[in-house]
Amino acid sequence: MRKISNLKFKFFILNFLIFSAFSFYGNTSFYDYSIFSDKISDEEKTVLNSGNVLIRNPHNLSNILLLPSDINSKQVLEELQQIKPVFLAEIIQIIPISSKPDLINNINQTLIDIPSYKGIPYYSEHNKIWVDLYSKAHIISEKYADNHHYISAEFYMEPFGDISTDISIVKSKTSLFYSHINTTPIMYNNITCVKPGKMKYIIYVFKTGDNWILYGIGGVNAPKIPFIKNRVELSFMNRIKTFCNFIFQKLFDNN
């Protein structure tokens, strides 16, 4: 009788361990995803759980993942609504705070170092070659006000030429809000592809629980001109993704 009881107990422990292991590895929700909409898929959660950067095309604002749960996330949505984007790209990464306790200051230093934007590697799918995202990047003027940093900058972006931008960075101990908007038209073959104030990048970094959320999104309001639509869409979307991904990955350069 005692042997049977011991055998049953061993089977119970074995089944418990197997079930626990299956539940752990089969569950993609290691993080609290309540800050994101229910449109986030299990596959997207798997990417984030692995520590990788999630890159997606939401197509319209109703499909973006970030919920307007605080003043900054509401501002993300409001600023994008103002430009009425035709094209959108969303970039997200989750990093344990323990691995990057000084992440806010690190990413702030990267973002304000405008000359370092020069030479960001960008793959042109149209030409099948690597080029510079920006072959020129310099500060025209800048000023500070409390925790707010304003920068006026100029970039050269092939094939669109010189582009002037206004950059705003608001930093606290637990969050950073970066926005980057064009102040001059973006031209291609003497055609205005994007009017002033119609292309914006936003990076919002904040903490939730034991993790940093790195959230990037870019929107462009560009006319869908038939003979250049596909090239313009691909070019702008890939540039937004390239810029945000470069900033995120820069955090690990010194590891």
C-alpha atoms as a PDB file:
ATOM      1  CA  MET A   1       0.000   0.000   0.000  1.00  0.00           C
ATOM      2  CA  ARG A   2       2.794   2.384   0.892  1.00  0.00           C
ATOM      3  CA  LYS A   3       4.566   1.648  -2.428  1.00  0.00           C
ATOM      4  CA  ILE A   4       1.381   2.438  -4.351  1.00  0.00           C
ATOM      5  CA  SER A   5       0.940   5.712  -2.460  1.00  0.00           C
ATOM      6  CA  ASN A   6       4.554   6.668  -3.150  1.00  0.00           C
ATOM      7  CA  LEU A   7       4.088   5.799  -6.805  1.00  0.00           C
ATOM      8  CA  LYS A   8       0.949   7.948  -7.034  1.00  0.00           C
ATOM      9  CA  PHE A   9       2.783  10.805  -5.347  1.00  0.00           C
ATOM     10  CA  LYS A  10       5.664  10.552  -7.820  1.00  0.00           C
ATOM     11  CA  PHE A  11       3.228  10.576 -10.750  1.00  0.00           C
ATOM     12  CA  PHE A  12       1.538  13.646  -9.258  1.00  0.00           C
ATOM     13  CA  ILE A  13       4.863  15.504  -8.959  1.00  0.00           C
ATOM     14  CA  LEU A  14       5.878  14.487 -12.496  1.00  0.00           C
ATOM     15  CA  ASN A  15       2.567  15.661 -13.982  1.00  0.00           C
ATOM     16  CA  PHE A  16       2.762  18.892 -12.027  1.00  0.00           C
ATOM     17  CA  LEU A  17       6.255  19.633 -13.343  1.00  0.00           C
ATOM     18  CA  ILE A  18       5.279  18.782 -16.912  1.00  0.00           C
ATOM     19  CA  PHE A  19       2.157  20.944 -16.717  1.00  0.00           C
ATOM     20  CA  SER A  20       4.077  23.832 -15.146  1.00  0.00           C
ATOM     21  CA  ALA A  21       6.775  23.697 -17.815  1.00  0.00           C
ATOM     22  CA  PHE A  22       4.193  23.532 -20.592  1.00  0.00           C
ATOM     23  CA  SER A  23       2.278  26.471 -19.147  1.00  0.00           C
ATOM     24  CA  PHE A  24       5.435  28.553 -18.815  1.00  0.00           C
ATOM     25  CA  TYR A  25       6.799  27.952 -22.303  1.00  0.00           C
ATOM     26  CA  GLY A  26       3.387  28.048 -23.948  1.00  0.00           C
ATOM     27  CA  ASN A  27       2.466  31.383 -22.407  1.00  0.00           C
ATOM     28  CA  THR A  28       3.466  34.419 -24.472  1.00  0.00           C
ATOM     29  CA  SER A  29       2.298  36.972 -21.902  1.00  0.00           C
ATOM     30  CA  PHE A  30       5.393  37.328 -19.724  1.00  0.00           C
ATOM     31  CA  TYR A  31       4.839  41.091 -19.483  1.00  0.00           C
ATOM     32  CA  ASP A  32       1.873  43.237 -18.551  1.00  0.00           C
ATOM     33  CA  TYR A  33       0.391  44.143 -21.929  1.00  0.00           C
ATOM     34  CA  SER A  34      -2.469  46.224 -20.516  1.00  0.00           C
ATOM     35  CA  ILE A  35      -0.796  49.374 -21.885  1.00  0.00           C
ATOM     36  CA  PHE A  36      -1.397  48.028 -25.390  1.00  0.00           C
ATOM     37  CA  SER A  37      -4.637  47.431 -27.238  1.00  0.00           C
ATOM     38  CA  ASP A  38      -6.104  43.964 -27.664  1.00  0.00           C
ATOM     39  CA  LYS A  39      -4.930  44.116 -31.292  1.00  0.00           C
ATOM     40  CA  ILE A  40      -1.519  42.889 -30.177  1.00  0.00           C
ATOM     41  CA  SER A  41      -1.090  39.328 -31.419  1.00  0.00           C
ATOM     42  CA  ASP A  42       0.521  36.361 -29.698  1.00  0.00           C
ATOM     43  CA  GLU A  43       3.251  36.457 -32.349  1.00  0.00           C
ATOM     44  CA  GLU A  44       3.960  40.111 -31.521  1.00  0.00           C
ATOM     45  CA  LYS A  45       4.068  39.294 -27.808  1.00  0.00           C
ATOM     46  CA  THR A  46       6.573  36.549 -28.541  1.00  0.00           C
ATOM     47  CA  VAL A  47       8.845  39.057 -30.305  1.00  0.00           C
ATOM     48  CA  LEU A  48       8.656  41.435 -27.333  1.00  0.00           C
ATOM     49  CA  ASN A  49       9.125  38.656 -24.772  1.00  0.00           C
ATOM     50  CA  SER A  50      12.343  37.668 -26.533  1.00  0.00           C
ATOM     51  CA  GLY A  51      13.736  41.189 -26.079  1.00  0.00           C
ATOM     52  CA  ASN A  52      13.679  41.921 -29.795  1.00  0.00           C
ATOM     53  CA  VAL A  53      12.331  45.020 -31.502  1.00  0.00           C
ATOM     54  CA  LEU A  54       8.785  44.714 -32.823  1.00  0.00           C
ATOM     55  CA  ILE A  55       8.248  46.581 -36.108  1.00  0.00           C
ATOM     56  CA  ARG A  56       4.771  46.833 -37.554  1.00  0.00           C
ATOM     57  CA  ASN A  57       2.667  48.747 -40.088  1.00  0.00           C
ATOM     58  CA  PRO A  58      -0.642  49.629 -38.414  1.00  0.00           C
ATOM     59  CA  HIS A  59      -1.953  51.291 -41.634  1.00  0.00           C
ATOM     60  CA  ASN A  60      -4.161  53.683 -39.648  1.00  0.00           C
ATOM     61  CA  LEU A  61      -4.319  55.212 -36.177  1.00  0.00           C
ATOM     62  CA  SER A  62      -7.123  52.921 -35.031  1.00  0.00           C
ATOM     63  CA  ASN A  63      -4.726  49.974 -35.310  1.00  0.00           C
ATOM     64  CA  ILE A  64      -1.785  51.290 -33.292  1.00  0.00           C
ATOM     65  CA  LEU A  65      -0.980  49.326 -30.144  1.00  0.00           C
ATOM     66  CA  LEU A  66      -0.318  52.087 -27.608  1.00  0.00           C
ATOM     67  CA  LEU A  67      -3.400  52.940 -25.558  1.00  0.00           C
ATOM     68  CA  PRO A  68      -4.010  56.562 -24.420  1.00  0.00           C
ATOM     69  CA  SER A  69      -3.561  55.602 -20.766  1.00  0.00           C
ATOM     70  CA  ASP A  70      -1.598  58.638 -19.532  1.00  0.00           C
ATOM     71  CA  ILE A  71      -0.891  62.227 -20.539  1.00  0.00           C
ATOM     72  CA  ASN A  72       2.075  61.311 -22.754  1.00  0.00           C
ATOM     73  CA  SER A  73       0.427  58.403 -24.547  1.00  0.00           C
ATOM     74  CA  LYS A  74      -2.565  60.659 -25.177  1.00  0.00           C
ATOM     75  CA  GLN A  75      -0.178  63.243 -26.596  1.00  0.00           C
ATOM     76  CA  VAL A  76       1.253  60.627 -28.972  1.00  0.00           C
ATOM     77  CA  LEU A  77      -2.200  60.057 -30.432  1.00  0.00           C
ATOM     78  CA  GLU A  78      -3.127  63.762 -30.493  1.00  0.00           C
ATOM     79  CA  GLU A  79       0.056  64.804 -32.301  1.00  0.00           C
ATOM     80  CA  LEU A  80      -0.377  62.115 -34.919  1.00  0.00           C
ATOM     81  CA  GLN A  81      -4.041  62.971 -35.397  1.00  0.00           C
ATOM     82  CA  GLN A  82      -2.990  66.536 -36.209  1.00  0.00           C
ATOM     83  CA  ILE A  83      -0.979  65.455 -39.248  1.00  0.00           C
ATOM     84  CA  LYS A  84      -3.613  62.949 -40.460  1.00  0.00           C
ATOM     85  CA  PRO A  85      -1.052  60.347 -41.521  1.00  0.00           C
ATOM     86  CA  VAL A  86      -1.499  58.344 -44.689  1.00  0.00           C
ATOM     87  CA  PHE A  87       1.441  56.082 -43.809  1.00  0.00           C
ATOM     88  CA  LEU A  88       2.354  54.812 -40.327  1.00  0.00           C
ATOM     89  CA  ALA A  89       5.111  52.713 -38.794  1.00  0.00           C
ATOM     90  CA  GLU A  90       5.254  51.502 -35.182  1.00  0.00           C
ATOM     91  CA  ILE A  91       8.364  50.254 -33.330  1.00  0.00           C
ATOM     92  CA  ILE A  92       8.340  48.763 -29.795  1.00  0.00           C
ATOM     93  CA  GLN A  93      10.864  47.167 -27.468  1.00  0.00           C
ATOM     94  CA  ILE A  94      10.661  46.091 -23.812  1.00  0.00           C
ATOM     95  CA  ILE A  95      13.811  46.220 -21.660  1.00  0.00           C
ATOM     96  CA  PRO A  96      14.136  45.183 -17.980  1.00  0.00           C
ATOM     97  CA  ILE A  97      14.944  48.224 -15.843  1.00  0.00           C
ATOM     98  CA  SER A  98      17.581  46.175 -14.016  1.00  0.00           C
ATOM     99  CA  SER A  99      19.589  45.820 -17.247  1.00  0.00           C
ATOM    100  CA  LYS A 100      19.451  49.542 -18.098  1.00  0.00           C
ATOM    101  CA  PRO A 101      18.763  51.560 -14.914  1.00  0.00           C
ATOM    102  CA  ASP A 102      20.028  54.800 -16.533  1.00  0.00           C
ATOM    103  CA  LEU A 103      18.199  54.271 -19.820  1.00  0.00           C
ATOM    104  CA  ILE A 104      16.424  57.661 -19.816  1.00  0.00           C
ATOM    105  CA  ASN A 105      19.683  59.594 -19.644  1.00  0.00           C
ATOM    106  CA  ASN A 106      21.356  57.276 -22.158  1.00  0.00           C
ATOM    107  CA  ILE A 107      18.652  57.624 -24.787  1.00  0.00           C
ATOM    108  CA  ASN A 108      18.428  61.359 -24.165  1.00  0.00           C
ATOM    109  CA  GLN A 109      22.150  61.736 -24.887  1.00  0.00           C
ATOM    110  CA  THR A 110      21.711  59.782 -28.114  1.00  0.00           C
ATOM    111  CA  LEU A 111      18.731  61.844 -29.256  1.00  0.00           C
ATOM    112  CA  ILE A 112      20.265  65.271 -28.586  1.00  0.00           C
ATOM    113  CA  ASP A 113      23.483  64.314 -30.386  1.00  0.00           C
ATOM    114  CA  ILE A 114      22.156  65.502 -33.745  1.00  0.00           C
ATOM    115  CA  PRO A 115      25.496  65.207 -35.637  1.00  0.00           C
ATOM    116  CA  SER A 116      25.523  61.477 -34.780  1.00  0.00           C
ATOM    117  CA  TYR A 117      22.419  61.052 -36.951  1.00  0.00           C
ATOM    118  CA  LYS A 118      24.709  61.519 -39.950  1.00  0.00           C
ATOM    119  CA  GLY A 119      25.594  58.182 -41.465  1.00  0.00           C
ATOM    120  CA  ILE A 120      22.813  56.073 -39.960  1.00  0.00           C
ATOM    121  CA  PRO A 121      22.845  53.040 -42.304  1.00  0.00           C
ATOM    122  CA  TYR A 122      19.712  52.770 -44.412  1.00  0.00           C
ATOM    123  CA  TYR A 123      18.935  50.050 -46.940  1.00  0.00           C
ATOM    124  CA  SER A 124      17.286  51.383 -50.087  1.00  0.00           C
ATOM    125  CA  GLU A 125      14.987  48.633 -51.274  1.00  0.00           C
ATOM    126  CA  HIS A 126      14.397  50.486 -54.538  1.00  0.00           C
ATOM    127  CA  ASN A 127      18.104  50.644 -55.416  1.00  0.00           C
ATOM    128  CA  LYS A 128      19.151  47.517 -53.443  1.00  0.00           C
ATOM    129  CA  ILE A 129      22.068  49.345 -51.808  1.00  0.00           C
ATOM    130  CA  TRP A 130      23.054  50.668 -48.395  1.00  0.00           C
ATOM    131  CA  VAL A 131      23.139  54.461 -48.112  1.00  0.00           C
ATOM    132  CA  ASP A 132      23.129  57.074 -45.351  1.00  0.00           C
ATOM    133  CA  LEU A 133      19.724  57.838 -43.901  1.00  0.00           C
ATOM    134  CA  TYR A 134      21.081  61.361 -43.390  1.00  0.00           C
ATOM    135  CA  SER A 135      24.258  62.437 -45.164  1.00  0.00           C
ATOM    136  CA  LYS A 136      24.143  65.781 -43.343  1.00  0.00           C
ATOM    137  CA  ALA A 137      22.899  66.534 -39.827  1.00  0.00           C
ATOM    138  CA  HIS A 138      23.561  69.701 -37.890  1.00  0.00           C
ATOM    139  CA  ILE A 139      21.957  71.933 -35.281  1.00  0.00           C
ATOM    140  CA  ILE A 140      20.727  75.360 -36.366  1.00  0.00           C
ATOM    141  CA  SER A 141      19.678  76.489 -32.892  1.00  0.00           C
ATOM    142  CA  GLU A 142      18.676  75.079 -29.522  1.00  0.00           C
ATOM    143  CA  LYS A 143      17.339  76.222 -26.170  1.00  0.00           C
ATOM    144  CA  TYR A 144      16.369  74.766 -22.804  1.00  0.00           C
ATOM    145  CA  ALA A 145      13.421  75.498 -20.551  1.00  0.00           C
ATOM    146  CA  ASP A 146      13.183  73.498 -17.336  1.00  0.00           C
ATOM    147  CA  ASN A 147      13.137  69.849 -18.482  1.00  0.00           C
ATOM    148  CA  HIS A 148      12.276  70.792 -22.071  1.00  0.00           C
ATOM    149  CA  HIS A 149      14.911  70.795 -24.816  1.00  0.00           C
ATOM    150  CA  TYR A 150      14.128  72.474 -28.155  1.00  0.00           C
ATOM    151  CA  ILE A 151      16.316  71.905 -31.207  1.00  0.00           C
ATOM    152  CA  SER A 152      16.057  73.272 -34.725  1.00  0.00           C
ATOM    153  CA  ALA A 153      18.068  71.081 -37.076  1.00  0.00           C
ATOM    154  CA  GLU A 154      18.762  70.523 -40.751  1.00  0.00           C
ATOM    155  CA  PHE A 155      19.294  67.186 -42.489  1.00  0.00           C
ATOM    156  CA  TYR A 156      20.115  66.089 -46.000  1.00  0.00           C
ATOM    157  CA  MET A 157      18.144  62.998 -46.984  1.00  0.00           C
ATOM    158  CA  GLU A 158      18.716  61.507 -50.414  1.00  0.00           C
ATOM    159  CA  PRO A 159      16.763  61.717 -52.763  1.00  0.00           C
ATOM    160  CA  PHE A 160      14.681  64.419 -51.057  1.00  0.00           C
ATOM    161  CA  GLY A 161      17.391  66.994 -50.377  1.00  0.00           C
ATOM    162  CA  ASP A 162      17.634  69.375 -47.416  1.00  0.00           C
ATOM    163  CA  ILE A 163      14.956  69.106 -44.750  1.00  0.00           C
ATOM    164  CA  SER A 164      14.590  71.437 -41.771  1.00  0.00           C
ATOM    165  CA  THR A 165      13.020  70.065 -38.607  1.00  0.00           C
ATOM    166  CA  ASP A 166      11.919  71.050 -35.131  1.00  0.00           C
ATOM    167  CA  ILE A 167      12.805  68.606 -32.364  1.00  0.00           C
ATOM    168  CA  SER A 168      11.318  68.640 -28.882  1.00  0.00           C
ATOM    169  CA  ILE A 169      12.474  66.488 -25.960  1.00  0.00           C
ATOM    170  CA  VAL A 170      10.790  66.427 -22.554  1.00  0.00           C
ATOM    171  CA  LYS A 171      12.609  64.342 -19.940  1.00  0.00           C
ATOM    172  CA  SER A 172      11.842  63.250 -16.400  1.00  0.00           C
ATOM    173  CA  LYS A 173      13.342  60.553 -14.168  1.00  0.00           C
ATOM    174  CA  THR A 174      10.889  57.948 -15.434  1.00  0.00           C
ATOM    175  CA  SER A 175       9.991  59.019 -18.975  1.00  0.00           C
ATOM    176  CA  LEU A 176      11.146  60.764 -22.121  1.00  0.00           C
ATOM    177  CA  PHE A 177       9.055  62.197 -24.934  1.00  0.00           C
ATOM    178  CA  TYR A 178      10.770  63.026 -28.237  1.00  0.00           C
ATOM    179  CA  SER A 179       9.081  64.494 -31.290  1.00  0.00           C
ATOM    180  CA  HIS A 180      10.633  65.398 -34.630  1.00  0.00           C
ATOM    181  CA  ILE A 181       8.635  67.223 -37.319  1.00  0.00           C
ATOM    182  CA  ASN A 182       9.559  68.684 -40.701  1.00  0.00           C
ATOM    183  CA  THR A 183       9.277  72.464 -41.061  1.00  0.00           C
ATOM    184  CA  THR A 184      10.075  72.624 -44.778  1.00  0.00           C
ATOM    185  CA  PRO A 185       8.515  70.685 -47.668  1.00  0.00           C
ATOM    186  CA  ILE A 186       9.991  67.344 -48.671  1.00  0.00           C
ATOM    187  CA  MET A 187      10.541  67.302 -52.419  1.00  0.00           C
ATOM    188  CA  TYR A 188      11.136  64.565 -54.974  1.00  0.00           C
ATOM    189  CA  ASN A 189      11.839  65.453 -58.615  1.00  0.00           C
ATOM    190  CA  ASN A 190      10.412  68.946 -57.995  1.00  0.00           C
ATOM    191  CA  ILE A 191       7.211  67.420 -56.636  1.00  0.00           C
ATOM    192  CA  THR A 192       6.135  68.168 -53.075  1.00  0.00           C
ATOM    193  CA  CYS A 193       5.766  64.774 -51.428  1.00  0.00           C
ATOM    194  CA  VAL A 194       5.213  66.072 -47.901  1.00  0.00           C
ATOM    195  CA  LYS A 195       4.137  69.549 -46.871  1.00  0.00           C
ATOM    196  CA  PRO A 196       5.674  71.299 -43.845  1.00  0.00           C
ATOM    197  CA  GLY A 197       4.435  69.817 -40.573  1.00  0.00           C
ATOM    198  CA  LYS A 198       3.215  66.593 -42.172  1.00  0.00           C
ATOM    199  CA  MET A 199       5.959  64.124 -41.257  1.00  0.00           C
ATOM    200  CA  LYS A 200       6.516  63.329 -37.591  1.00  0.00           C
ATOM    201  CA  TYR A 201       8.551  60.844 -35.584  1.00  0.00           C
ATOM    202  CA  ILE A 202       7.753  60.271 -31.916  1.00  0.00           C
ATOM    203  CA  ILE A 203       9.716  58.244 -29.380  1.00  0.00           C
ATOM    204  CA  TYR A 204       8.093  57.756 -25.982  1.00  0.00           C
ATOM    205  CA  VAL A 205      10.095  55.937 -23.311  1.00  0.00           C
ATOM    206  CA  PHE A 206       8.486  55.110 -19.984  1.00  0.00           C
ATOM    207  CA  LYS A 207       8.527  52.562 -17.204  1.00  0.00           C
ATOM    208  CA  THR A 208       5.823  50.105 -16.288  1.00  0.00           C
ATOM    209  CA  GLY A 209       6.388  47.574 -13.534  1.00  0.00           C
ATOM    210  CA  ASP A 210       9.970  46.322 -13.758  1.00  0.00           C
ATOM    211  CA  ASN A 211      10.419  47.255 -17.418  1.00  0.00           C
ATOM    212  CA  TRP A 212      11.176  50.133 -19.724  1.00  0.00           C
ATOM    213  CA  ILE A 213       8.886  50.490 -22.724  1.00  0.00           C
ATOM    214  CA  LEU A 214      10.549  51.969 -25.782  1.00  0.00           C
ATOM    215  CA  TYR A 215       7.805  53.079 -28.114  1.00  0.00           C
ATOM    216  CA  GLY A 216       8.432  54.686 -31.478  1.00  0.00           C
ATOM    217  CA  ILE A 217       5.946  55.741 -34.109  1.00  0.00           C
ATOM    218  CA  GLY A 218       6.163  57.767 -37.272  1.00  0.00           C
ATOM    219  CA  GLY A 219       3.478  59.187 -39.480  1.00  0.00           C
ATOM    220  CA  VAL A 220       3.515  60.838 -42.890  1.00  0.00           C
ATOM    221  CA  ASN A 221       0.745  62.686 -44.682  1.00  0.00           C
ATOM    222  CA  ALA A 222       1.768  62.378 -48.311  1.00  0.00           C
ATOM    223  CA  PRO A 223      -0.407  62.449 -51.431  1.00  0.00           C
ATOM    224  CA  LYS A 224      -0.777  59.087 -53.120  1.00  0.00           C
ATOM    225  CA  ILE A 225       0.586  60.121 -56.497  1.00  0.00           C
ATOM    226  CA  PRO A 226       0.064  57.042 -58.712  1.00  0.00           C
ATOM    227  CA  PHE A 227       3.454  56.822 -60.431  1.00  0.00           C
ATOM    228  CA  ILE A 228       5.525  57.329 -57.249  1.00  0.00           C
ATOM    229  CA  LYS A 229       3.115  56.168 -54.521  1.00  0.00           C
ATOM    230  CA  ASN A 230       4.701  52.785 -53.849  1.00  0.00           C
ATOM    231  CA  ARG A 231       8.229  54.155 -53.827  1.00  0.00           C
ATOM    232  CA  VAL A 232       7.335  57.063 -51.550  1.00  0.00           C
ATOM    233  CA  GLU A 233       5.422  54.834 -49.130  1.00  0.00           C
ATOM    234  CA  LEU A 234       8.208  52.259 -48.929  1.00  0.00           C
ATOM    235  CA  SER A 235      10.852  54.947 -48.587  1.00  0.00           C
ATOM    236  CA  PHE A 236       9.170  56.897 -45.781  1.00  0.00           C
ATOM    237  CA  MET A 237       8.075  53.839 -43.824  1.00  0.00           C
ATOM    238  CA  ASN A 238      11.523  52.268 -43.978  1.00  0.00           C
ATOM    239  CA  ARG A 239      13.158  55.543 -42.942  1.00  0.00           C
ATOM    240  CA  ILE A 240      10.943  55.839 -39.870  1.00  0.00           C
ATOM    241  CA  LYS A 241      11.690  52.230 -38.921  1.00  0.00           C
ATOM    242  CA  THR A 242      15.412  52.701 -39.548  1.00  0.00           C
ATOM    243  CA  PHE A 243      15.653  55.808 -37.387  1.00  0.00           C
ATOM    244  CA  CYS A 244      13.736  54.430 -34.386  1.00  0.00           C
ATOM    245  CA  ASN A 245      15.453  51.057 -34.561  1.00  0.00           C
ATOM    246  CA  PHE A 246      18.860  52.767 -34.717  1.00  0.00           C
ATOM    247  CA  ILE A 247      18.106  54.804 -31.580  1.00  0.00           C
ATOM    248  CA  PHE A 248      16.882  51.729 -29.696  1.00  0.00           C
ATOM    249  CA  GLN A 249      19.866  49.596 -30.681  1.00  0.00           C
ATOM    250  CA  LYS A 250      22.312  52.401 -29.852  1.00  0.00           C
ATOM    251  CA  LEU A 251      21.563  51.719 -26.181  1.00  0.00           C
ATOM    252  CA  PHE A 252      23.431  48.419 -26.433  1.00  0.00           C
ATOM    253  CA  ASP A 253      26.481  49.631 -28.371  1.00  0.00           C
ATOM    254  CA  ASN A 254      28.629  49.942 -25.249  1.00  0.00           C
ATOM    255  CA  ASN A 255      27.690  46.593 -23.697  1.00  0.00           C
END
